[in-house]
């Protein structure tokens, strides 16, 4: 599955999301499968339930950063 992108619903149809382009984004197959119908999840640092990143409404740079070696990205904790 490496490198293959899939279409993802930002708000799942089961939660009122539509197939409109404004509710769709590309993501890797693994992330799409793992996310499933979730729209929020516990923050691993605080345990608080927070909304998942919405690429249509939020800026990537405000939520993520590249690792020091530039090989992966890390979530920036904002909900402390």
N, C-alpha and C. Protein backbone atom coordinates (compact mmCIF):
# COMPACT_ATOMS: atom_id res chain seq x y z
N UNK A 1 0.81 -1.20 0.00
CA UNK A 1 0.00 0.00 0.00
C UNK A 1 0.85 1.27 0.00
N UNK A 2 2.13 1.16 0.07
CA UNK A 2 2.98 2.32 0.20
C UNK A 2 2.78 3.35 -0.89
N UNK A 3 2.51 4.59 -0.51
CA UNK A 3 2.44 5.70 -1.43
C UNK A 3 1.10 5.91 -2.12
N UNK A 4 0.18 4.99 -2.00
CA UNK A 4 -1.11 5.13 -2.68
C UNK A 4 -2.03 6.05 -1.89
N UNK A 5 -2.58 7.07 -2.53
CA UNK A 5 -3.52 7.96 -1.87
C UNK A 5 -4.95 7.51 -2.14
N UNK A 6 -5.80 7.74 -1.16
CA UNK A 6 -7.22 7.41 -1.29
C UNK A 6 -8.04 8.65 -0.99
N UNK A 7 -9.24 8.66 -1.51
CA UNK A 7 -10.17 9.75 -1.23
C UNK A 7 -10.74 9.55 0.17
N UNK A 8 -10.79 10.62 0.94
CA UNK A 8 -11.30 10.53 2.31
C UNK A 8 -12.37 11.58 2.52
N UNK A 9 -13.40 11.21 3.25
CA UNK A 9 -14.42 12.17 3.68
C UNK A 9 -13.95 12.82 4.98
N UNK A 10 -13.88 14.13 5.01
CA UNK A 10 -13.46 14.83 6.22
C UNK A 10 -14.52 14.60 7.30
N UNK A 11 -15.77 14.85 6.97
CA UNK A 11 -16.90 14.47 7.84
C UNK A 11 -17.53 13.25 7.18
N UNK A 12 -17.49 12.09 7.83
CA UNK A 12 -18.00 10.86 7.22
C UNK A 12 -19.49 10.97 6.85
N UNK A 13 -19.91 10.29 5.78
CA UNK A 13 -21.33 10.32 5.41
C UNK A 13 -22.26 9.91 6.55
N UNK A 14 -21.84 8.97 7.37
CA UNK A 14 -22.65 8.52 8.50
C UNK A 14 -22.84 9.59 9.57
N UNK A 15 -22.05 10.66 9.48
CA UNK A 15 -22.18 11.76 10.43
C UNK A 15 -22.65 13.03 9.73
N UNK A 16 -23.28 12.87 8.57
CA UNK A 16 -23.84 14.01 7.86
C UNK A 16 -22.95 14.58 6.76
N UNK A 17 -21.76 14.00 6.56
CA UNK A 17 -20.86 14.48 5.51
C UNK A 17 -21.38 14.11 4.13
N UNK A 18 -20.97 14.89 3.14
CA UNK A 18 -21.42 14.68 1.77
C UNK A 18 -20.24 14.28 0.88
N UNK A 19 -20.54 14.03 -0.38
CA UNK A 19 -19.51 13.75 -1.37
C UNK A 19 -19.06 15.03 -2.09
N UNK A 20 -19.48 16.19 -1.60
CA UNK A 20 -19.05 17.46 -2.19
C UNK A 20 -17.54 17.61 -2.06
N UNK A 21 -16.93 18.26 -3.04
CA UNK A 21 -15.47 18.43 -3.07
C UNK A 21 -14.96 19.10 -1.79
N UNK A 22 -15.75 19.97 -1.17
CA UNK A 22 -15.33 20.64 0.06
C UNK A 22 -15.24 19.71 1.25
N UNK A 23 -15.77 18.50 1.13
CA UNK A 23 -15.71 17.54 2.22
C UNK A 23 -14.78 16.37 1.90
N UNK A 24 -14.02 16.48 0.82
CA UNK A 24 -13.12 15.41 0.42
C UNK A 24 -11.67 15.86 0.47
N UNK A 25 -10.78 14.92 0.75
CA UNK A 25 -9.35 15.20 0.69
C UNK A 25 -8.63 13.91 0.34
N UNK A 26 -7.36 14.01 0.00
CA UNK A 26 -6.53 12.84 -0.27
C UNK A 26 -5.75 12.50 0.99
N UNK A 27 -5.62 11.24 1.27
CA UNK A 27 -4.75 10.80 2.36
C UNK A 27 -4.24 9.40 2.04
N UNK A 28 -3.23 8.98 2.76
CA UNK A 28 -2.69 7.65 2.49
C UNK A 28 -3.70 6.59 2.92
N UNK A 29 -3.61 5.44 2.29
CA UNK A 29 -4.54 4.36 2.56
C UNK A 29 -4.55 3.98 4.04
N UNK A 30 -3.38 3.87 4.64
CA UNK A 30 -3.30 3.46 6.05
C UNK A 30 -4.00 4.47 6.94
N UNK A 31 -3.74 5.78 6.74
CA UNK A 31 -4.38 6.80 7.58
C UNK A 31 -5.89 6.80 7.40
N UNK A 32 -6.34 6.65 6.17
CA UNK A 32 -7.77 6.63 5.90
C UNK A 32 -8.43 5.44 6.59
N UNK A 33 -7.82 4.29 6.53
CA UNK A 33 -8.35 3.10 7.17
C UNK A 33 -8.34 3.25 8.69
N UNK A 34 -7.27 3.78 9.24
CA UNK A 34 -7.14 3.96 10.68
C UNK A 34 -8.16 4.97 11.21
N UNK A 35 -8.33 6.07 10.48
CA UNK A 35 -9.26 7.13 10.90
C UNK A 35 -10.70 6.61 10.91
N UNK A 36 -11.07 5.85 9.90
CA UNK A 36 -12.45 5.35 9.84
C UNK A 36 -13.45 6.48 9.88
N UNK A 37 -14.41 6.41 10.79
CA UNK A 37 -15.45 7.43 10.90
C UNK A 37 -15.17 8.45 11.99
N UNK A 38 -13.98 8.43 12.55
CA UNK A 38 -13.65 9.37 13.63
C UNK A 38 -13.55 10.81 13.12
N UNK A 39 -13.99 11.75 13.92
CA UNK A 39 -13.79 13.17 13.65
C UNK A 39 -13.07 13.83 14.82
N UNK A 40 -12.86 13.09 15.89
CA UNK A 40 -12.13 13.56 17.07
C UNK A 40 -11.44 12.35 17.70
N UNK A 41 -10.40 12.63 18.49
CA UNK A 41 -9.65 11.55 19.15
C UNK A 41 -8.91 12.11 20.35
N UNK A 42 -8.51 11.26 21.30
CA UNK A 42 -7.75 11.74 22.45
C UNK A 42 -6.36 12.23 22.04
N UNK A 43 -5.98 13.38 22.56
CA UNK A 43 -4.62 13.88 22.36
C UNK A 43 -3.69 12.97 23.16
N UNK A 44 -2.62 12.44 22.54
CA UNK A 44 -1.75 11.49 23.25
C UNK A 44 -0.99 12.11 24.42
N UNK A 45 -0.86 13.43 24.44
CA UNK A 45 -0.13 14.08 25.53
C UNK A 45 -1.02 14.48 26.70
N UNK A 46 -2.27 14.91 26.39
CA UNK A 46 -3.14 15.40 27.45
C UNK A 46 -4.30 14.47 27.78
N UNK A 47 -4.66 13.61 26.82
CA UNK A 47 -5.83 12.75 27.01
C UNK A 47 -7.13 13.45 26.67
N UNK A 48 -7.10 14.76 26.41
CA UNK A 48 -8.31 15.49 26.03
C UNK A 48 -8.76 15.07 24.63
N UNK A 49 -10.06 14.92 24.44
CA UNK A 49 -10.59 14.61 23.12
C UNK A 49 -10.59 15.91 22.31
N UNK A 50 -9.94 15.87 21.14
CA UNK A 50 -9.80 17.05 20.29
C UNK A 50 -10.22 16.70 18.87
N UNK A 51 -10.66 17.70 18.10
CA UNK A 51 -11.04 17.42 16.71
C UNK A 51 -9.82 17.03 15.88
N UNK A 52 -10.04 16.15 14.90
CA UNK A 52 -8.97 15.80 13.98
C UNK A 52 -8.72 16.97 13.03
N UNK A 53 -7.53 17.02 12.48
CA UNK A 53 -7.14 18.07 11.54
C UNK A 53 -8.07 18.08 10.34
N UNK A 54 -8.55 19.27 9.99
CA UNK A 54 -9.41 19.45 8.82
C UNK A 54 -8.63 20.23 7.77
N UNK A 55 -8.15 19.56 6.71
CA UNK A 55 -7.29 20.23 5.74
C UNK A 55 -8.00 21.31 4.92
N UNK A 56 -9.31 21.34 4.94
CA UNK A 56 -10.05 22.36 4.21
C UNK A 56 -10.23 23.64 5.02
N UNK A 57 -10.04 23.58 6.33
CA UNK A 57 -10.29 24.74 7.19
C UNK A 57 -9.08 25.17 8.01
N UNK A 58 -8.05 24.32 8.10
CA UNK A 58 -6.91 24.62 8.96
C UNK A 58 -5.61 24.58 8.17
N UNK A 59 -4.61 25.27 8.68
CA UNK A 59 -3.30 25.31 8.04
C UNK A 59 -2.41 24.19 8.59
N UNK A 60 -1.79 23.44 7.69
CA UNK A 60 -0.92 22.33 8.06
C UNK A 60 0.16 22.77 9.04
N UNK A 61 0.78 23.92 8.76
CA UNK A 61 1.91 24.41 9.55
C UNK A 61 1.53 24.74 11.00
N UNK A 62 0.27 24.94 11.26
CA UNK A 62 -0.18 25.25 12.62
C UNK A 62 -0.42 23.98 13.45
N UNK A 63 -0.39 22.83 12.80
CA UNK A 63 -0.67 21.57 13.50
C UNK A 63 0.47 20.56 13.46
N UNK A 64 1.33 20.68 12.45
CA UNK A 64 2.38 19.70 12.24
C UNK A 64 3.72 20.38 12.00
N UNK A 65 4.78 19.63 12.21
CA UNK A 65 6.13 20.09 11.86
C UNK A 65 6.91 18.87 11.41
N UNK A 66 7.96 19.12 10.63
CA UNK A 66 8.83 18.03 10.20
C UNK A 66 9.78 17.67 11.32
N UNK A 67 10.14 16.41 11.41
CA UNK A 67 11.13 15.96 12.40
C UNK A 67 12.47 16.62 12.08
N UNK A 68 13.37 16.62 13.04
CA UNK A 68 14.67 17.26 12.84
C UNK A 68 15.42 16.70 11.64
N UNK A 69 15.28 15.40 11.40
CA UNK A 69 15.99 14.80 10.26
C UNK A 69 15.18 14.90 8.96
N UNK A 70 13.97 15.47 9.03
CA UNK A 70 13.18 15.70 7.83
C UNK A 70 12.55 14.47 7.21
N UNK A 71 12.48 13.37 7.95
CA UNK A 71 11.95 12.14 7.38
C UNK A 71 10.50 11.83 7.77
N UNK A 72 9.95 12.57 8.73
CA UNK A 72 8.57 12.33 9.14
C UNK A 72 8.00 13.62 9.72
N UNK A 73 6.71 13.66 9.88
CA UNK A 73 6.09 14.84 10.47
C UNK A 73 5.54 14.50 11.84
N UNK A 74 5.43 15.50 12.68
CA UNK A 74 4.98 15.33 14.06
C UNK A 74 3.84 16.30 14.32
N UNK A 75 2.88 15.87 15.09
CA UNK A 75 1.77 16.75 15.48
C UNK A 75 2.25 17.73 16.54
N UNK A 76 1.84 18.98 16.42
CA UNK A 76 2.13 19.99 17.42
C UNK A 76 0.98 19.98 18.41
N UNK A 77 1.27 19.81 19.68
CA UNK A 77 0.22 19.79 20.70
C UNK A 77 -0.23 21.21 21.00
N UNK A 78 -1.52 21.47 20.79
CA UNK A 78 -2.07 22.80 21.05
C UNK A 78 -3.11 22.79 22.17
N UNK A 79 -3.52 21.63 22.61
CA UNK A 79 -4.66 21.54 23.54
C UNK A 79 -4.19 21.20 24.94
N UNK A 80 -3.28 21.96 25.46
CA UNK A 80 -2.74 21.66 26.79
C UNK A 80 -3.43 22.48 27.85
